[in-house]
Amino acid sequence: MGLIEIENIWRFIGGLGIFLISMKFVEESLSDLAGRRFKRFFREYTKTPLRGILGGTLATVVLQSSSVVTLMVLSFVGAGVIDMKSALGVVFGSNLGTTFTGWVVASLGFKVDVLEFAFPLIGVGSIFYTLLPKEQKLAQIFRFLAGLGLLFFGLELMKQAMEGVSQKFDVSVLHGYGMVSYFLFGYVFTAIVQSSSATMMTTLAALHAGILNLPLAAALIIGADLGTTTTALLASIGASPGKKQTSMAHFLFNFVTDVVALILISPLLSFVLKVFGPGEPLLSLVFFHSLFNFIGIIVFIPFTGVFAGFLEKYIGRTEKKLTTYIQRVNPSMTEAALEALNREVLLLIDRVVEFNRQAFSLKFLKGSFSFVYEEMKELVAENLSYALRIQSQPVSEEDSKRLGQILKALDYFAKSSKSAKDIHHNIKDFEGSGQNEIIHFLWVLQEDIKKSFQIINEVKKFENQSHVFEELLAVKNKNIRDYEERQKMIYGNLKERKYSESTTGTLLNVNREVHASMESLIFALKEILLPREKAEEI
């Protein structure tokens, strides 16, 4: 193996690493930017399949990459901005938009260099993200731009590493093999070079040179259409269920569309030749590419809701059972179901404490924090749905009161984890701070939280309700005292000009959210561990 081959291997690995870190930047910035108004706007814009298709098509035409658009959709789904049905329209549209590059190449011979976009995005995005306070939304916009630029750059490095393959491999060696072989070659080649547009350009060159005829070139392009789905599948490894569902939607849509196109290749090409005639093989090929993708969209549009339901039910949900007890009992068996729910919410206490410990950097984080949070939200939602299904059954007055307390507790659990999640990035910033006062504040904060968690862990073991009441009241008062002491510390350092105004605002917000998170957790415990009358006294 020569030095050039080794260099290309490392170039590919480096490109893959940049690609993966760029996905993290894009998703986290979208999550921070996606405020309530933005979420409402995006849901409005994509709430019908036709709007999503139009948006996906235009975005792909502008960005010149269906892979990038699909990755952005994965990020939106992962950040909770759009739901599965909304994402499908964008995925469908991106497939049609990706044919635009072929039209440009076939018509004008023009090729867009993605590095022209990547370097300005990386440069401007990184510089301004570094200079601006991280809590500002403008900083997150520049972080998104830097991530998008890195994504382009990473994909370009992977393509450059594989250029030797496309230069050395002569497609004429496939002569004598059937169309399926060309289809498979198109799939594998595109999966390797990470660009269906690159495959299209190679195929157009071979078609123009007379190395391939139109039917064989068409089969190769159908394979390339399927090969482009590997980018999204790669990005969904270890991701949340929503992202896995979106990437699988992309794959299944392309797979069905491409298989139909391969089966109907002869009648479709006959129609194409009637439009352009035999003298325009290049335009005929790109028109064929657009045509079978358009047909796929027409076929799938009526079944968008059914398709979304199928994905949400079967993809990404079976790998891990989040609940332990409620999945075993039908909620119509109210007595047994309520007992299962009681046991489940007791386990949920530990899960919320565990999540909050990770959010406050008291425990090493395993995997993506956004994925852990999505899993926590899903767990609370499953318990909530189960409780509501029991409540819809005929239940005694006593059981009805108990269900009411559990529903309150689940709401408090959601609020506690949300408050912890919202300041996780601030905690990480504090850990990397070189300012002694901030490091000291973080140490005090974490020590306060540790002691409160220790009390909470002990409270669950008490069988005497009087002891439970006393300890919960004590930890509630401790939480208030801790909050007030930390406030004094912050204002004292501000008075001595040890903090900037911006830093002070961040510290006050963190202190407030920690207090709110702990208070919600304590209130959840009182609803679970105490009768309603006693719980109301805390």
Protein backbone atom coordinates (compact mmCIF):
# COMPACT_ATOMS: atom_id res chain seq x y z
CA MET A 1 0.00 0.00 0.00
CA GLY A 2 1.55 3.31 -1.13
CA LEU A 3 1.71 6.61 0.71
CA ILE A 4 -1.09 8.04 -1.44
CA GLU A 5 -3.46 5.20 -0.48
CA ILE A 6 -2.61 5.64 3.24
CA GLU A 7 -3.17 9.38 2.96
CA ASN A 8 -6.57 8.77 1.37
CA ILE A 9 -7.56 6.39 4.18
CA TRP A 10 -6.72 9.02 6.80
CA ARG A 11 -8.47 11.67 4.72
CA PHE A 12 -11.61 9.54 4.71
CA ILE A 13 -11.39 8.88 8.48
CA GLY A 14 -10.82 12.58 9.12
CA GLY A 15 -13.77 13.47 6.93
CA LEU A 16 -15.95 11.01 8.80
CA GLY A 17 -14.89 12.48 12.15
CA ILE A 18 -15.61 16.04 11.00
CA PHE A 19 -18.95 14.88 9.60
CA LEU A 20 -19.98 13.32 12.93
CA ILE A 21 -18.93 16.32 15.06
CA SER A 22 -20.72 18.65 12.64
CA MET A 23 -23.95 16.71 13.18
CA LYS A 24 -23.56 17.29 16.93
CA PHE A 25 -23.07 21.04 16.38
CA VAL A 26 -26.06 21.29 14.04
CA GLU A 27 -28.42 19.35 16.31
CA GLU A 28 -27.44 21.12 19.53
CA SER A 29 -27.67 24.58 17.95
CA LEU A 30 -31.09 23.76 16.48
CA SER A 31 -32.25 22.52 19.85
CA ASP A 32 -31.17 25.80 21.50
CA LEU A 33 -32.62 27.95 18.72
CA ALA A 34 -35.94 26.14 18.54
CA GLY A 35 -37.93 28.33 20.86
CA ARG A 36 -41.68 28.07 21.09
CA ARG A 37 -42.38 30.61 18.32
CA PHE A 38 -39.89 28.98 15.95
CA LYS A 39 -41.31 25.52 16.59
CA ARG A 40 -44.81 26.80 15.91
CA PHE A 41 -43.65 28.43 12.66
CA PHE A 42 -41.82 25.32 11.43
CA ARG A 43 -44.74 23.05 12.28
CA GLU A 44 -47.08 25.42 10.41
CA TYR A 45 -44.81 25.44 7.38
CA THR A 46 -44.52 21.65 7.17
CA LYS A 47 -47.90 20.59 8.51
CA THR A 48 -49.06 19.36 5.09
CA PRO A 49 -47.07 16.91 2.93
CA LEU A 50 -47.24 19.26 -0.08
CA ARG A 51 -45.60 22.11 1.86
CA GLY A 52 -42.94 19.76 3.14
CA ILE A 53 -42.26 18.45 -0.36
CA LEU A 54 -41.91 21.98 -1.73
CA GLY A 55 -39.60 22.99 1.13
CA GLY A 56 -37.47 19.85 0.78
CA THR A 57 -37.18 20.33 -2.98
CA LEU A 58 -36.15 23.99 -2.76
CA ALA A 59 -33.72 23.37 0.11
CA THR A 60 -31.99 20.60 -1.85
CA VAL A 61 -31.78 22.77 -4.97
CA VAL A 62 -30.13 25.55 -2.93
CA LEU A 63 -27.79 23.31 -0.90
CA GLN A 64 -27.09 20.95 -3.82
CA SER A 65 -27.26 17.91 -1.55
CA SER A 66 -30.20 15.73 -0.55
CA SER A 67 -27.94 14.18 2.08
CA VAL A 68 -27.41 17.54 3.80
CA VAL A 69 -31.15 18.32 3.73
CA THR A 70 -31.97 14.88 5.13
CA LEU A 71 -29.34 15.35 7.85
CA MET A 72 -30.91 18.70 8.73
CA VAL A 73 -34.32 17.01 8.97
CA LEU A 74 -32.77 14.38 11.25
CA SER A 75 -31.48 17.20 13.44
CA PHE A 76 -34.89 18.89 13.56
CA VAL A 77 -36.54 15.61 14.52
CA GLY A 78 -33.82 14.90 17.09
CA ALA A 79 -34.30 18.38 18.54
CA GLY A 80 -38.05 17.84 18.75
CA VAL A 81 -38.90 20.69 16.36
CA ILE A 82 -40.98 18.63 13.90
CA ASP A 83 -42.80 15.32 14.10
CA MET A 84 -42.50 12.30 11.83
CA LYS A 85 -45.37 13.19 9.49
CA SER A 86 -43.93 16.66 8.96
CA ALA A 87 -40.46 15.24 8.26
CA LEU A 88 -41.69 12.83 5.57
CA GLY A 89 -42.72 15.59 3.16
CA VAL A 90 -39.28 17.19 3.39
CA VAL A 91 -37.61 13.80 2.79
CA PHE A 92 -39.80 13.19 -0.28
CA GLY A 93 -39.03 16.65 -1.64
CA SER A 94 -35.29 16.30 -1.13
CA ASN A 95 -35.28 13.34 -3.51
CA LEU A 96 -36.82 15.45 -6.26
CA GLY A 97 -34.53 18.39 -5.53
CA THR A 98 -31.38 16.30 -5.87
CA THR A 99 -32.12 15.77 -9.58
CA PHE A 100 -31.48 19.50 -10.16
CA THR A 101 -27.70 18.97 -10.20
CA GLY A 102 -28.08 16.54 -13.08
CA TRP A 103 -30.08 19.10 -15.04
CA VAL A 104 -27.35 21.71 -14.52
CA VAL A 105 -24.54 19.34 -15.52
CA ALA A 106 -26.41 17.96 -18.52
CA SER A 107 -27.45 21.43 -19.70
CA LEU A 108 -24.50 23.65 -18.81
CA GLY A 109 -21.68 21.37 -17.72
CA PHE A 110 -21.43 23.42 -14.51
CA LYS A 111 -20.33 21.87 -11.22
CA VAL A 112 -20.78 23.52 -7.84
CA ASP A 113 -17.79 23.33 -5.48
CA VAL A 114 -19.20 22.78 -1.98
CA LEU A 115 -15.99 24.13 -0.44
CA GLU A 116 -17.04 27.56 -1.71
CA PHE A 117 -19.86 27.30 0.84
CA ALA A 118 -18.00 25.35 3.52
CA PHE A 119 -15.06 27.64 4.28
CA PRO A 120 -17.08 30.87 4.66
CA LEU A 121 -19.59 29.05 6.86
CA ILE A 122 -16.86 27.53 9.03
CA GLY A 123 -14.88 30.77 9.23
CA VAL A 124 -17.71 33.21 9.95
CA GLY A 125 -19.65 30.75 12.12
CA SER A 126 -16.68 29.71 14.27
CA ILE A 127 -15.29 33.22 14.79
CA PHE A 128 -18.57 34.79 15.87
CA TYR A 129 -19.60 31.77 17.95
CA THR A 130 -16.30 32.06 19.83
CA LEU A 131 -16.66 35.81 20.40
CA LEU A 132 -20.33 35.97 21.39
CA PRO A 133 -21.73 34.94 24.81
CA LYS A 134 -22.96 31.35 24.47
CA GLU A 135 -26.37 32.06 26.00
CA GLN A 136 -27.27 34.45 23.16
CA LYS A 137 -29.38 33.03 20.34
CA LEU A 138 -27.15 34.79 17.82
CA ALA A 139 -24.22 32.68 19.03
CA GLN A 140 -26.24 29.53 18.39
CA ILE A 141 -27.04 30.74 14.86
CA PHE A 142 -23.32 31.06 14.16
CA ARG A 143 -22.74 27.66 15.77
CA PHE A 144 -25.31 26.21 13.37
CA LEU A 145 -23.55 27.86 10.40
CA ALA A 146 -20.17 26.52 11.54
CA GLY A 147 -21.67 23.05 11.96
CA LEU A 148 -23.23 23.21 8.49
CA GLY A 149 -19.90 24.28 7.01
CA LEU A 150 -18.10 21.45 8.78
CA LEU A 151 -20.73 19.06 7.48
CA PHE A 152 -20.01 20.18 3.89
CA PHE A 153 -16.27 19.99 4.54
CA GLY A 154 -16.46 16.50 6.05
CA LEU A 155 -18.49 15.15 3.15
CA GLU A 156 -16.07 16.77 0.70
CA LEU A 157 -13.06 15.14 2.40
CA MET A 158 -14.73 11.73 2.16
CA LYS A 159 -15.46 12.31 -1.52
CA GLN A 160 -11.89 13.47 -2.20
CA ALA A 161 -10.51 10.37 -0.48
CA MET A 162 -12.52 8.21 -2.86
CA GLU A 163 -11.68 10.17 -6.02
CA GLY A 164 -9.02 7.64 -6.91
CA VAL A 165 -11.71 4.98 -7.07
CA SER A 166 -13.85 6.92 -9.54
CA GLN A 167 -10.80 7.80 -11.66
CA LYS A 168 -9.40 4.27 -11.86
CA PHE A 169 -12.65 2.32 -12.20
CA ASP A 170 -13.89 1.94 -15.77
CA VAL A 171 -17.64 1.29 -15.90
CA SER A 172 -17.17 -0.50 -19.23
CA VAL A 173 -16.02 -3.60 -17.30
CA LEU A 174 -19.69 -4.13 -16.47
CA HIS A 175 -20.54 -4.75 -20.14
CA GLY A 176 -22.22 -8.08 -20.59
CA TYR A 177 -23.89 -8.00 -17.18
CA GLY A 178 -27.59 -7.31 -16.64
CA MET A 179 -29.27 -4.15 -15.45
CA VAL A 180 -29.36 -5.39 -11.86
CA SER A 181 -25.54 -5.36 -11.83
CA TYR A 182 -25.52 -1.71 -12.89
CA PHE A 183 -28.15 -0.96 -10.25
CA LEU A 184 -26.00 -2.60 -7.55
CA PHE A 185 -22.87 -0.82 -8.78
CA GLY A 186 -24.68 2.53 -8.61
CA TYR A 187 -25.79 1.77 -5.06
CA VAL A 188 -22.35 0.68 -3.79
CA PHE A 189 -20.45 3.45 -5.58
CA THR A 190 -22.74 6.19 -4.24
CA ALA A 191 -22.62 4.74 -0.73
CA ILE A 192 -18.83 4.95 -0.87
CA VAL A 193 -18.42 8.44 -2.36
CA GLN A 194 -21.40 9.81 -0.34
CA SER A 195 -22.85 11.68 -3.31
CA SER A 196 -25.48 10.68 -5.85
CA SER A 197 -24.55 13.83 -7.78
CA ALA A 198 -20.98 12.52 -8.21
CA THR A 199 -22.39 9.25 -9.54
CA MET A 200 -24.69 11.16 -11.88
CA MET A 201 -21.76 13.16 -13.29
CA THR A 202 -19.66 10.03 -13.78
CA THR A 203 -22.58 8.32 -15.50
CA LEU A 204 -23.29 11.34 -17.73
CA ALA A 205 -19.63 11.34 -18.80
CA ALA A 206 -19.79 7.62 -19.63
CA LEU A 207 -23.08 8.09 -21.49
CA HIS A 208 -21.68 11.04 -23.44
CA ALA A 209 -18.58 9.02 -24.38
CA GLY A 210 -20.71 6.13 -25.60
CA ILE A 211 -19.38 3.74 -22.94
CA LEU A 212 -22.92 3.22 -21.65
CA ASN A 213 -26.26 3.21 -23.40
CA LEU A 214 -29.31 4.94 -21.91
CA PRO A 215 -30.99 1.87 -20.30
CA LEU A 216 -27.79 0.82 -18.50
CA ALA A 217 -27.09 4.39 -17.40
CA ALA A 218 -30.66 4.61 -16.09
CA ALA A 219 -30.22 1.42 -14.04
CA LEU A 220 -27.00 2.80 -12.58
CA ILE A 221 -28.73 6.07 -11.59
CA ILE A 222 -31.56 4.16 -9.90
CA GLY A 223 -28.93 2.41 -7.76
CA ALA A 224 -27.31 5.76 -6.97
CA ASP A 225 -30.68 7.06 -5.80
CA LEU A 226 -30.78 4.29 -3.20
CA GLY A 227 -27.09 4.64 -2.29
CA THR A 228 -27.55 8.23 -1.14
CA THR A 229 -29.66 6.99 1.82
CA THR A 230 -26.56 5.59 3.54
CA THR A 231 -25.57 9.07 4.78
CA ALA A 232 -28.75 9.41 6.84
CA LEU A 233 -28.54 5.80 8.02
CA LEU A 234 -24.99 6.48 9.22
CA ALA A 235 -26.10 9.63 11.08
CA SER A 236 -28.88 7.71 12.86
CA ILE A 237 -26.56 5.15 14.49
CA GLY A 238 -27.09 5.35 18.25
CA ALA A 239 -29.56 8.20 17.76
CA SER A 240 -33.02 8.81 19.19
CA PRO A 241 -36.03 6.84 17.86
CA GLY A 242 -37.26 9.89 15.93
CA LYS A 243 -34.00 10.20 14.02
CA LYS A 244 -33.91 6.47 13.31
CA GLN A 245 -37.47 6.67 12.00
CA THR A 246 -36.62 9.58 9.71
CA SER A 247 -33.54 7.88 8.25
CA MET A 248 -35.52 4.66 7.75
CA ALA A 249 -38.28 6.67 6.05
CA HIS A 250 -35.68 8.01 3.63
CA PHE A 251 -34.38 4.51 2.94
CA LEU A 252 -37.81 2.86 2.53
CA PHE A 253 -39.14 5.65 0.30
CA ASN A 254 -36.10 5.39 -1.97
CA PHE A 255 -36.10 1.60 -1.91
CA VAL A 256 -39.75 1.29 -2.99
CA THR A 257 -39.40 4.08 -5.56
CA ASP A 258 -36.20 2.61 -7.01
CA VAL A 259 -37.51 -0.96 -7.21
CA VAL A 260 -40.62 0.28 -9.04
CA ALA A 261 -38.41 2.35 -11.38
CA LEU A 262 -36.21 -0.67 -12.11
CA ILE A 263 -39.24 -2.85 -12.89
CA LEU A 264 -40.82 -0.18 -15.11
CA ILE A 265 -37.57 1.03 -16.67
CA SER A 266 -38.55 0.12 -20.25
CA PRO A 267 -41.94 1.92 -20.39
CA LEU A 268 -40.53 4.90 -18.49
CA LEU A 269 -37.62 5.26 -20.92
CA SER A 270 -40.00 4.93 -23.86
CA PHE A 271 -41.95 7.89 -22.49
CA VAL A 272 -38.73 9.85 -21.91
CA LEU A 273 -37.54 9.26 -25.48
CA LYS A 274 -40.87 10.52 -26.80
CA VAL A 275 -40.26 13.77 -24.94
CA PHE A 276 -36.58 14.36 -25.85
CA GLY A 277 -35.93 11.98 -28.71
CA PRO A 278 -32.84 9.77 -29.18
CA GLY A 279 -30.57 12.75 -29.89
CA GLU A 280 -30.53 14.01 -26.28
CA PRO A 281 -29.33 11.09 -24.12
CA LEU A 282 -27.97 13.33 -21.33
CA LEU A 283 -31.19 15.30 -20.88
CA SER A 284 -33.15 12.05 -21.25
CA LEU A 285 -31.22 10.52 -18.34
CA VAL A 286 -31.75 13.44 -15.95
CA PHE A 287 -35.41 13.66 -16.96
CA PHE A 288 -35.75 9.95 -16.19
CA HIS A 289 -34.17 10.60 -12.77
CA SER A 290 -36.67 13.38 -12.02
CA LEU A 291 -39.58 11.39 -13.42
CA PHE A 292 -39.25 8.28 -11.27
CA ASN A 293 -38.70 10.36 -8.13
CA PHE A 294 -41.81 12.40 -8.94
CA ILE A 295 -43.79 9.17 -9.44
CA GLY A 296 -42.55 7.93 -6.06
CA ILE A 297 -43.82 11.11 -4.39
CA ILE A 298 -47.23 10.79 -6.07
CA VAL A 299 -47.48 7.17 -4.87
CA PHE A 300 -46.50 7.97 -1.26
CA ILE A 301 -48.46 11.21 -0.66
CA PRO A 302 -51.83 9.53 0.07
CA PHE A 303 -50.17 7.18 2.57
CA THR A 304 -48.06 9.72 4.48
CA GLY A 305 -50.08 9.34 7.70
CA VAL A 306 -50.06 5.53 7.52
CA PHE A 307 -46.34 5.52 6.72
CA ALA A 308 -45.58 7.81 9.69
CA GLY A 309 -47.65 5.59 12.00
CA PHE A 310 -45.82 2.48 10.80
CA LEU A 311 -42.41 4.07 11.42
CA GLU A 312 -43.33 5.34 14.89
CA LYS A 313 -44.71 1.94 15.88
CA TYR A 314 -42.02 -0.37 14.56
CA ILE A 315 -38.77 1.57 14.08
CA GLY A 316 -36.46 2.46 16.95
CA ARG A 317 -38.95 1.54 19.66
CA THR A 318 -38.30 -2.14 20.16
CA GLU A 319 -34.61 -1.96 20.98
CA LYS A 320 -35.14 -1.06 24.60
CA LYS A 321 -38.17 -1.27 26.88
CA LEU A 322 -38.28 1.92 28.90
CA THR A 323 -40.93 0.77 31.35
CA THR A 324 -40.76 -2.27 33.64
CA TYR A 325 -44.20 -2.95 35.13
CA ILE A 326 -46.93 -1.13 33.18
CA GLN A 327 -46.13 -2.87 29.91
CA ARG A 328 -47.22 -6.18 31.48
CA VAL A 329 -50.71 -5.13 32.66
CA ASN A 330 -53.71 -4.08 30.59
CA PRO A 331 -55.01 -0.73 31.94
CA SER A 332 -58.58 -2.06 31.78
CA MET A 333 -57.67 -4.25 34.78
CA THR A 334 -57.75 -1.14 36.95
CA GLU A 335 -56.71 -2.58 40.31
CA ALA A 336 -53.69 -4.45 38.95
CA ALA A 337 -52.88 -1.59 36.57
CA LEU A 338 -52.83 0.99 39.38
CA GLU A 339 -50.50 -1.23 41.40
CA ALA A 340 -48.20 -1.57 38.38
CA LEU A 341 -48.28 2.20 37.88
CA ASN A 342 -47.43 2.81 41.56
CA ARG A 343 -44.39 0.56 41.24
CA GLU A 344 -43.41 2.19 37.95
CA VAL A 345 -43.41 5.75 39.32
CA LEU A 346 -41.25 4.61 42.25
CA LEU A 347 -38.69 3.47 39.67
CA LEU A 348 -39.17 6.75 37.85
CA ILE A 349 -37.90 8.64 40.91
CA ASP A 350 -34.52 6.95 40.44
CA ARG A 351 -34.57 7.60 36.70
CA VAL A 352 -35.22 11.33 37.13
CA VAL A 353 -32.57 11.64 39.85
CA GLU A 354 -30.13 9.77 37.60
CA PHE A 355 -30.90 12.07 34.66
CA ASN A 356 -30.55 15.20 36.80
CA ARG A 357 -27.21 13.96 38.15
CA GLN A 358 -25.98 13.70 34.56
CA ALA A 359 -27.41 17.12 33.68
CA PHE A 360 -25.60 18.70 36.65
CA SER A 361 -22.35 16.83 35.79
CA LEU A 362 -22.43 14.77 38.98
CA LYS A 363 -22.19 11.60 36.95
CA PHE A 364 -20.39 10.64 33.73
CA LEU A 365 -22.71 10.99 30.74
CA LYS A 366 -23.10 7.86 28.63
CA GLY A 367 -24.01 8.71 25.04
CA SER A 368 -25.69 11.81 23.66
CA PHE A 369 -27.29 14.07 26.30
CA SER A 370 -30.09 15.04 23.89
CA PHE A 371 -30.85 11.33 23.35
CA VAL A 372 -30.92 10.69 27.12
CA TYR A 373 -33.34 13.60 27.54
CA GLU A 374 -35.58 12.37 24.71
CA GLU A 375 -35.65 8.96 26.39
CA MET A 376 -36.61 10.59 29.70
CA LYS A 377 -39.45 12.53 28.05
CA GLU A 378 -40.68 9.36 26.38
CA LEU A 379 -40.61 7.47 29.69
CA VAL A 380 -42.69 10.15 31.45
CA ALA A 381 -45.07 10.26 28.47
CA GLU A 382 -45.59 6.48 28.58
CA ASN A 383 -46.47 6.62 32.27
CA LEU A 384 -48.78 9.58 31.68
CA SER A 385 -50.57 7.83 28.82
CA TYR A 386 -51.00 4.69 30.93
CA ALA A 387 -52.39 6.69 33.88
CA LEU A 388 -54.91 8.45 31.64
CA ARG A 389 -56.05 5.11 30.19
CA ILE A 390 -56.69 3.82 33.72
CA GLN A 391 -58.52 7.05 34.55
CA SER A 392 -60.85 6.51 31.58
CA GLN A 393 -62.04 3.25 33.20
CA PRO A 394 -64.59 3.07 36.05
CA VAL A 395 -62.53 3.49 39.24
CA SER A 396 -63.31 4.03 42.91
CA GLU A 397 -63.09 7.48 44.49
CA GLU A 398 -59.96 6.45 46.37
CA ASP A 399 -58.27 5.20 43.19
CA SER A 400 -59.32 8.37 41.39
CA LYS A 401 -57.56 10.48 44.04
CA ARG A 402 -54.46 8.32 43.76
CA LEU A 403 -54.43 8.68 39.97
CA GLY A 404 -54.73 12.44 40.40
CA GLN A 405 -51.63 12.46 42.59
CA ILE A 406 -49.67 10.33 40.13
CA LEU A 407 -50.61 12.64 37.25
CA LYS A 408 -49.37 15.61 39.31
CA ALA A 409 -46.14 13.75 40.10
CA LEU A 410 -45.53 12.99 36.42
CA ASP A 411 -45.98 16.67 35.59
CA TYR A 412 -43.46 17.58 38.30
CA PHE A 413 -41.01 14.96 36.97
CA ALA A 414 -41.25 16.51 33.49
CA LYS A 415 -40.63 20.00 34.91
CA SER A 416 -37.69 18.82 37.01
CA SER A 417 -35.88 17.16 34.10
CA LYS A 418 -36.69 20.09 31.77
CA SER A 419 -35.13 22.62 34.17
CA ALA A 420 -32.05 20.41 34.51
CA LYS A 421 -31.77 19.95 30.75
CA ASP A 422 -32.03 23.68 30.04
CA ILE A 423 -28.84 24.51 31.99
CA HIS A 424 -26.73 21.46 31.13
CA HIS A 425 -24.70 23.45 28.59
CA ASN A 426 -24.08 26.18 31.19
CA ILE A 427 -22.76 23.60 33.66
CA LYS A 428 -20.38 22.29 30.99
CA ASP A 429 -19.22 25.86 30.28
CA PHE A 430 -18.59 26.42 34.01
CA GLU A 431 -16.45 23.26 34.12
CA GLY A 432 -14.21 24.68 31.41
CA SER A 433 -13.99 28.14 32.95
CA GLY A 434 -10.64 29.49 34.05
CA GLN A 435 -12.23 31.88 36.56
CA ASN A 436 -11.86 30.77 40.18
CA GLU A 437 -15.12 32.37 41.32
CA ILE A 438 -17.13 30.43 38.72
CA ILE A 439 -15.36 27.16 39.59
CA HIS A 440 -16.12 27.79 43.28
CA PHE A 441 -19.77 28.56 42.52
CA LEU A 442 -20.07 25.30 40.58
CA TRP A 443 -18.49 23.35 43.46
CA VAL A 444 -20.93 24.86 45.98
CA LEU A 445 -23.85 24.20 43.64
CA GLN A 446 -22.92 20.56 43.09
CA GLU A 447 -22.31 19.95 46.80
CA ASP A 448 -25.77 21.36 47.63
CA ILE A 449 -27.36 19.12 45.00
CA LYS A 450 -25.47 16.02 46.20
CA LYS A 451 -26.70 16.49 49.77
CA SER A 452 -30.29 16.99 48.61
CA PHE A 453 -30.13 13.84 46.49
CA GLN A 454 -28.78 11.89 49.48
CA ILE A 455 -31.81 12.95 51.55
CA ILE A 456 -34.17 12.07 48.69
CA ASN A 457 -32.63 8.61 48.35
CA GLU A 458 -33.12 8.01 52.09
CA VAL A 459 -36.72 9.28 52.10
CA LYS A 460 -37.83 6.52 49.74
CA LYS A 461 -36.76 3.89 52.27
CA PHE A 462 -38.91 5.22 55.13
CA GLU A 463 -42.09 3.31 55.87
CA ASN A 464 -43.37 5.74 58.51
CA GLN A 465 -45.27 8.53 56.74
CA SER A 466 -44.48 11.00 59.52
CA HIS A 467 -40.77 10.53 58.84
CA VAL A 468 -41.36 10.93 55.10
CA PHE A 469 -43.28 14.15 55.71
CA GLU A 470 -40.60 15.58 58.01
CA GLU A 471 -37.72 14.74 55.65
CA LEU A 472 -39.48 16.11 52.56
CA LEU A 473 -40.31 19.31 54.41
CA ALA A 474 -36.69 19.52 55.58
CA VAL A 475 -35.23 19.04 52.08
CA LYS A 476 -37.71 21.56 50.69
CA ASN A 477 -36.53 24.17 53.21
CA LYS A 478 -32.91 23.22 52.53
CA ASN A 479 -33.47 23.83 48.82
CA ILE A 480 -34.79 27.33 49.59
CA ARG A 481 -31.84 28.11 51.89
CA ASP A 482 -29.31 26.81 49.36
CA TYR A 483 -30.86 28.95 46.64
CA GLU A 484 -30.76 32.10 48.80
CA GLU A 485 -27.14 31.50 49.89
CA ARG A 486 -26.02 31.05 46.29
CA GLN A 487 -27.88 34.24 45.31
CA LYS A 488 -25.93 36.15 47.99
CA MET A 489 -22.67 34.67 46.65
CA ILE A 490 -23.48 35.78 43.09
CA TYR A 491 -24.47 39.32 44.08
CA GLY A 492 -21.45 39.61 46.38
CA ASN A 493 -19.05 38.75 43.56
CA LEU A 494 -20.89 41.09 41.20
CA LYS A 495 -20.53 43.91 43.73
CA GLU A 496 -16.78 43.24 43.87
CA ARG A 497 -16.74 43.22 40.02
CA LYS A 498 -15.57 39.60 39.85
CA TYR A 499 -18.31 38.77 37.31
CA SER A 500 -19.39 40.54 34.16
CA GLU A 501 -23.08 41.41 33.84
CA SER A 502 -23.50 38.69 31.22
CA THR A 503 -21.88 36.06 33.45
CA THR A 504 -24.02 37.20 36.38
CA GLY A 505 -27.17 36.72 34.31
CA THR A 506 -26.10 33.18 33.43
CA LEU A 507 -25.27 32.32 37.06
CA LEU A 508 -28.61 33.68 38.30
CA ASN A 509 -30.46 31.67 35.67
CA VAL A 510 -28.58 28.47 36.58
CA ASN A 511 -29.28 29.02 40.27
CA ARG A 512 -32.97 29.59 39.57
CA GLU A 513 -33.30 26.49 37.35
CA VAL A 514 -31.49 24.25 39.87
CA HIS A 515 -33.88 25.46 42.59
CA ALA A 516 -36.88 24.87 40.29
CA SER A 517 -35.65 21.41 39.30
CA MET A 518 -35.11 20.31 42.91
CA GLU A 519 -38.44 21.81 44.02
CA SER A 520 -40.33 19.96 41.26
CA LEU A 521 -38.60 16.72 42.23
CA ILE A 522 -39.54 17.19 45.91
CA PHE A 523 -43.15 17.97 44.95
CA ALA A 524 -43.26 14.83 42.80
CA LEU A 525 -42.07 12.77 45.78
CA LYS A 526 -44.70 14.19 48.12
CA GLU A 527 -47.45 13.18 45.66
CA ILE A 528 -46.06 9.66 45.33
CA LEU A 529 -45.08 8.95 48.94
CA LEU A 530 -47.81 10.75 50.92
CA PRO A 531 -51.63 10.78 51.00
CA ARG A 532 -53.17 13.80 49.26
CA GLU A 533 -54.12 15.59 52.50
CA LYS A 534 -50.57 15.30 53.88
CA ALA A 535 -48.96 16.20 50.54
CA GLU A 536 -50.90 19.47 50.41
CA GLU A 537 -49.21 20.59 53.65
CA ILE A 538 -45.77 20.68 52.02
